[in-house]
Amino acid sequence: MTGAAERLREIAAELYGLRPEEFTPARTAAEKGARSEGDRELAAAIKALRRPAVAAWAVNRLVRERGELVGQVVALGESLREAQALLQGEALRDLTRQRRQLVTAVTAEARAAAAEQSVALSESATRQVEETLQAAMADPKAAEAVLSGLLAQPLSSTGVESLTDLVAVPLPERPPGRPQLSLVRDDGRARREAEERVAAAQGSLRMATEAVESLGRKRAKAQARLLQLEAELEELRRRVAEVEEATDAAAERLSELDDEVEEAEAGLRDARSEAEEAEAARDTLE
């Protein structure tokens, strides 16, 4: 049974790493492959895998492409949970502010990773990505689900009661984590550990801030280029209007000249006729 579960997780890992439109055909192919091997139970389990929501896919992609950033999100969340028992006032407010900044930065990276696959996240999907990252910071179970890269649905920032409907396949059992910090430690070690974690989280924040600033610079350049092109377009529109006006004037002048040419040709015909008549009259006198 364990082997079958592991095989299903391997297949799910492949499927949930694909682009959204590639998921269903690949799932069908994997199901047929399992069925042809005579493993009906695996085939049924593969068929039951749900196509991930766009926001869930974006987070799964982020885990695969920018795993270190997701690790920073989880690490800062763990630091906040452990330091909350010891830190108060301004320190906690600073960490909370860092959390918001980090989530914003990593969400921007998620949009960039999706864009690399030609997938544009809507505003709704972007908010769901943010909520999923916030859930990963607040809840160890949610963090484990996010790090698996097998999300079928985005997570709620208000909390996670069950991962059954959110993760493609059941996650393997993990040994229990270390005990929660006590409010009282007789040697001050708890505070030192908390301060070390805060320092590590601040380092993660700096990296995420650099990522945001880099994206901001790229956006500023793109915006400047857009303004330049818009100015050029406006100039071209002005020139087009001038050329259209000149074209209309030229067409009108050409029409006038056509009329004048036609009138001149008529005069030429009359003059030629008169000349021929005069020559004929002269010839009769000789």
Protein backbone atom coordinates (compact mmCIF):
# COMPACT_ATOMS: atom_id res chain seq x y z
CA MET A 1 0.00 0.00 0.00
CA THR A 2 2.86 2.30 0.85
CA GLY A 3 4.42 1.65 -2.54
CA ALA A 4 1.15 2.44 -4.29
CA ALA A 5 0.79 5.68 -2.33
CA GLU A 6 4.34 6.67 -3.22
CA ARG A 7 3.72 5.91 -6.90
CA LEU A 8 0.58 8.06 -6.83
CA ARG A 9 2.53 10.92 -5.24
CA GLU A 10 5.18 10.65 -7.96
CA ILE A 11 2.55 10.83 -10.69
CA ALA A 12 0.79 13.70 -8.95
CA ALA A 13 4.09 15.57 -8.64
CA GLU A 14 4.54 15.32 -12.40
CA LEU A 15 0.96 16.35 -13.19
CA TYR A 16 0.83 19.28 -10.79
CA GLY A 17 4.03 20.67 -12.29
CA LEU A 18 2.43 21.03 -15.73
CA ARG A 19 0.74 24.06 -17.23
CA PRO A 20 -3.01 24.21 -16.49
CA GLU A 21 -4.07 23.26 -20.01
CA GLU A 22 -1.67 20.30 -20.05
CA PHE A 23 -3.02 18.74 -16.87
CA THR A 24 -6.12 16.92 -18.11
CA PRO A 25 -4.53 15.25 -21.18
CA ALA A 26 -1.53 14.15 -19.08
CA ARG A 27 -3.80 12.80 -16.33
CA THR A 28 -5.78 10.80 -18.90
CA ALA A 29 -2.56 9.37 -20.33
CA ALA A 30 -1.29 8.41 -16.84
CA GLU A 31 -4.63 6.79 -16.01
CA LYS A 32 -4.55 4.73 -19.21
CA GLY A 33 -0.97 3.73 -18.49
CA ALA A 34 -1.86 2.44 -15.04
CA ARG A 35 -4.91 0.64 -16.39
CA SER A 36 -2.85 -1.02 -19.13
CA GLU A 37 -0.49 -2.27 -16.41
CA GLY A 38 -3.46 -3.87 -14.67
CA ASP A 39 -3.40 -1.53 -11.68
CA ARG A 40 -7.05 -0.47 -11.57
CA GLU A 41 -6.77 1.00 -8.09
CA LEU A 42 -3.94 3.33 -9.15
CA ALA A 43 -5.82 4.22 -12.34
CA ALA A 44 -8.89 5.20 -10.32
CA ALA A 45 -6.77 7.26 -7.94
CA ILE A 46 -5.14 9.07 -10.87
CA LYS A 47 -8.52 9.76 -12.44
CA ALA A 48 -9.66 11.29 -9.15
CA LEU A 49 -6.84 13.86 -9.17
CA ARG A 50 -8.39 17.27 -9.64
CA ARG A 51 -7.09 19.91 -11.97
CA PRO A 52 -5.58 22.60 -9.72
CA ALA A 53 -7.17 26.02 -9.47
CA VAL A 54 -5.06 28.71 -11.11
CA ALA A 55 -3.95 30.19 -7.78
CA ALA A 56 -2.99 26.74 -6.48
CA TRP A 57 -1.10 26.03 -9.70
CA ALA A 58 0.76 29.34 -9.34
CA VAL A 59 1.86 28.43 -5.79
CA ASN A 60 2.89 24.94 -6.93
CA ARG A 61 4.91 26.55 -9.72
CA LEU A 62 6.48 28.95 -7.24
CA VAL A 63 7.57 26.02 -5.07
CA ARG A 64 9.23 24.41 -8.08
CA GLU A 65 10.82 27.55 -9.54
CA ARG A 66 11.45 29.76 -6.48
CA GLY A 67 11.53 27.23 -3.67
CA GLU A 68 13.93 29.27 -1.57
CA LEU A 69 11.45 32.15 -1.38
CA VAL A 70 8.67 29.84 -0.20
CA GLY A 71 11.11 28.48 2.37
CA GLN A 72 11.64 32.05 3.61
CA VAL A 73 7.90 32.50 4.01
CA VAL A 74 7.63 29.33 6.07
CA ALA A 75 10.72 30.21 8.12
CA LEU A 76 9.45 33.68 8.96
CA GLY A 77 6.10 32.23 9.97
CA GLU A 78 7.79 29.77 12.29
CA SER A 79 9.89 32.58 13.75
CA LEU A 80 6.81 34.65 14.37
CA ARG A 81 5.01 31.80 16.13
CA GLU A 82 7.97 31.05 18.36
CA ALA A 83 8.88 34.66 19.08
CA GLN A 84 5.34 35.72 19.82
CA ALA A 85 5.53 34.23 23.29
CA LEU A 86 8.57 36.33 24.12
CA LEU A 87 8.43 39.52 22.09
CA GLN A 88 5.99 42.34 22.61
CA GLY A 89 5.19 45.83 21.41
CA GLU A 90 7.34 47.31 18.68
CA ALA A 91 9.27 44.09 18.00
CA LEU A 92 6.11 42.17 17.17
CA ARG A 93 4.77 45.04 15.08
CA ASP A 94 8.04 45.07 13.13
CA LEU A 95 7.85 41.33 12.49
CA THR A 96 4.23 41.66 11.38
CA ARG A 97 5.24 44.42 8.98
CA GLN A 98 8.02 42.19 7.64
CA ARG A 99 5.49 39.42 7.12
CA ARG A 100 3.30 41.66 4.98
CA GLN A 101 6.26 42.82 2.94
CA LEU A 102 7.52 39.29 2.40
CA VAL A 103 4.10 38.01 1.32
CA THR A 104 3.80 40.91 -1.14
CA ALA A 105 7.25 40.20 -2.56
CA VAL A 106 6.72 36.47 -2.93
CA THR A 107 3.29 37.01 -4.48
CA ALA A 108 4.96 39.21 -7.09
CA GLU A 109 7.40 36.37 -7.76
CA ALA A 110 4.47 33.97 -8.14
CA ARG A 111 2.96 36.23 -10.78
CA ALA A 112 6.32 36.42 -12.54
CA ALA A 113 6.75 32.63 -12.45
CA ALA A 114 3.25 32.22 -13.90
CA ALA A 115 3.95 34.82 -16.59
CA GLU A 116 7.01 32.83 -17.64
CA GLN A 117 4.53 30.06 -18.53
CA SER A 118 2.31 32.58 -20.38
CA VAL A 119 -0.30 32.44 -17.61
CA ALA A 120 -1.60 35.79 -16.33
CA LEU A 121 -3.00 35.75 -12.80
CA SER A 122 -6.21 37.70 -12.29
CA GLU A 123 -6.62 39.98 -9.30
CA SER A 124 -8.76 37.32 -7.63
CA ALA A 125 -6.15 34.61 -8.21
CA THR A 126 -3.42 36.95 -6.93
CA ARG A 127 -5.36 37.51 -3.68
CA GLN A 128 -5.75 33.75 -3.31
CA VAL A 129 -1.98 33.33 -3.70
CA GLU A 130 -1.45 35.91 -0.94
CA GLU A 131 -3.91 34.14 1.35
CA THR A 132 -2.22 30.80 0.69
CA LEU A 133 1.18 32.24 1.63
CA GLN A 134 -0.29 33.83 4.76
CA ALA A 135 -1.80 30.48 5.71
CA ALA A 136 1.61 28.84 5.27
CA MET A 137 3.07 31.39 7.70
CA ALA A 138 0.33 30.91 10.27
CA ASP A 139 -0.16 27.13 10.26
CA PRO A 140 2.48 24.36 10.11
CA LYS A 141 0.02 22.05 8.35
CA ALA A 142 -0.62 24.66 5.70
CA ALA A 143 3.13 25.21 5.32
CA GLU A 144 3.62 21.48 4.74
CA ALA A 145 0.85 21.48 2.15
CA VAL A 146 2.34 24.46 0.30
CA LEU A 147 5.86 23.01 0.31
CA SER A 148 4.54 19.76 -1.16
CA GLY A 149 3.80 21.52 -4.46
CA LEU A 150 0.60 19.45 -4.72
CA LEU A 151 -2.08 22.03 -3.94
CA ALA A 152 -5.35 21.50 -5.75
CA GLN A 153 -7.05 24.50 -4.14
CA PRO A 154 -5.69 27.71 -2.60
CA LEU A 155 -5.60 27.95 1.19
CA SER A 156 -7.52 30.35 3.37
CA SER A 157 -5.55 32.81 5.46
CA THR A 158 -8.08 32.35 8.29
CA GLY A 159 -6.82 28.84 8.99
CA VAL A 160 -6.72 25.27 7.74
CA GLU A 161 -8.86 22.61 9.39
CA SER A 162 -8.34 19.80 6.88
CA LEU A 163 -6.04 19.34 3.92
CA THR A 164 -8.11 16.55 2.38
CA ASP A 165 -9.84 18.78 -0.15
CA LEU A 166 -6.87 21.07 -0.68
CA VAL A 167 -3.96 18.75 -1.48
CA ALA A 168 -3.92 16.36 -4.43
CA VAL A 169 -2.86 13.29 -2.43
CA PRO A 170 -2.46 12.60 1.30
CA LEU A 171 0.90 13.81 2.53
CA PRO A 172 3.22 11.27 4.17
CA GLU A 173 3.21 11.19 7.93
CA ARG A 174 6.00 13.22 9.50
CA PRO A 175 7.43 12.92 12.99
CA PRO A 176 6.06 15.49 15.40
CA GLY A 177 7.92 18.78 15.53
CA ARG A 178 9.79 20.11 18.46
CA PRO A 179 7.75 21.23 21.49
CA GLN A 180 6.33 24.71 21.68
CA LEU A 181 8.39 27.27 23.53
CA SER A 182 7.58 27.82 27.16
CA LEU A 183 6.97 31.29 28.43
CA VAL A 184 9.63 30.83 31.11
CA ARG A 185 13.17 29.58 30.48
CA ASP A 186 15.59 29.74 33.38
CA ASP A 187 18.73 30.45 31.35
CA GLY A 188 17.44 33.02 28.82
CA ARG A 189 18.05 30.57 25.98
CA ALA A 190 14.53 31.01 24.64
CA ARG A 191 15.07 34.72 24.05
CA ARG A 192 18.41 34.10 22.34
CA GLU A 193 16.85 31.51 20.07
CA ALA A 194 13.98 33.85 19.28
CA GLU A 195 16.39 36.68 18.51
CA GLU A 196 18.40 34.39 16.24
CA ARG A 197 15.24 33.45 14.39
CA VAL A 198 14.26 37.10 14.10
CA ALA A 199 17.68 37.83 12.61
CA ALA A 200 17.27 34.99 10.13
CA ALA A 201 13.80 36.21 9.23
CA GLN A 202 15.13 39.72 8.72
CA GLY A 203 17.75 38.29 6.37
CA SER A 204 15.00 36.57 4.44
CA LEU A 205 13.09 39.83 4.38
CA ARG A 206 16.08 41.66 2.93
CA MET A 207 16.31 39.13 0.12
CA ALA A 208 12.61 39.43 -0.59
CA THR A 209 12.83 43.23 -0.44
CA GLU A 210 15.65 43.14 -2.99
CA ALA A 211 13.43 41.02 -5.22
CA VAL A 212 10.60 43.55 -4.91
CA GLU A 213 12.96 46.46 -5.60
CA SER A 214 14.35 44.65 -8.65
CA LEU A 215 10.85 44.09 -9.97
CA GLY A 216 10.04 47.71 -9.19
CA ARG A 217 13.01 48.90 -11.24
CA LYS A 218 11.98 46.65 -14.12
CA ARG A 219 8.43 47.98 -13.88
CA ALA A 220 9.69 51.59 -13.86
CA LYS A 221 11.70 50.92 -17.02
CA ALA A 222 8.70 49.26 -18.65
CA GLN A 223 6.50 52.20 -17.66
CA ALA A 224 9.02 54.69 -19.05
CA ARG A 225 9.16 52.72 -22.29
CA LEU A 226 5.36 52.69 -22.45
CA LEU A 227 5.22 56.47 -21.98
CA GLN A 228 7.83 56.90 -24.70
CA LEU A 229 5.89 54.69 -27.10
CA GLU A 230 2.64 56.47 -26.27
CA ALA A 231 4.32 59.81 -27.06
CA GLU A 232 5.65 58.41 -30.33
CA LEU A 233 2.21 57.03 -31.14
CA GLU A 234 0.63 60.42 -30.48
CA GLU A 235 3.20 62.07 -32.75
CA LEU A 236 2.51 59.48 -35.44
CA ARG A 237 -1.23 60.09 -35.10
CA ARG A 238 -0.60 63.82 -35.53
CA ARG A 239 1.54 63.16 -38.59
CA VAL A 240 -1.10 60.79 -39.98
CA ALA A 241 -3.72 63.49 -39.54
CA GLU A 242 -1.48 65.99 -41.34
CA VAL A 243 -0.77 63.55 -44.14
CA GLU A 244 -4.47 62.70 -44.46
CA GLU A 245 -5.27 66.43 -44.70
CA ALA A 246 -2.52 66.91 -47.30
CA THR A 247 -3.77 63.85 -49.17
CA ASP A 248 -7.31 65.23 -49.27
CA ALA A 249 -5.98 68.57 -50.54
CA ALA A 250 -3.86 66.85 -53.18
CA ALA A 251 -6.81 64.73 -54.29
CA GLU A 252 -8.97 67.86 -54.58
CA ARG A 253 -6.25 69.65 -56.54
CA LEU A 254 -5.86 66.64 -58.82
CA SER A 255 -9.61 66.67 -59.49
CA GLU A 256 -9.42 70.37 -60.35
CA LEU A 257 -6.51 69.75 -62.70
CA ASP A 258 -8.40 66.90 -64.33
CA ASP A 259 -11.22 69.31 -65.06
CA GLU A 260 -8.76 71.90 -66.43
CA VAL A 261 -7.02 69.29 -68.60
CA GLU A 262 -10.35 68.11 -69.96
CA GLU A 263 -11.31 71.71 -70.73
CA ALA A 264 -7.93 72.39 -72.37
CA GLU A 265 -8.19 69.25 -74.48
CA ALA A 266 -11.64 70.35 -75.64
CA GLY A 267 -10.15 73.75 -76.60
CA LEU A 268 -7.33 71.96 -78.41
CA ARG A 269 -9.80 69.94 -80.43
CA ASP A 270 -11.73 73.08 -81.36
CA ALA A 271 -8.53 74.90 -82.37
CA ARG A 272 -7.37 71.95 -84.45
CA SER A 273 -10.75 71.80 -86.19
CA GLU A 274 -10.64 75.53 -86.98
CA ALA A 275 -7.09 75.21 -88.31
CA GLU A 276 -8.10 72.36 -90.59
CA GLU A 277 -11.08 74.36 -91.90
CA ALA A 278 -8.87 77.43 -92.56
CA GLU A 279 -6.33 75.33 -94.45
CA ALA A 280 -9.09 73.78 -96.54
CA ALA A 281 -10.50 77.23 -97.40
CA ARG A 282 -7.07 78.48 -98.40
CA ASP A 283 -6.48 75.50 -100.65
CA THR A 284 -9.68 76.23 -102.62
CA LEU A 285 -8.32 79.69 -103.52
CA GLU A 286 -5.18 78.45 -105.20
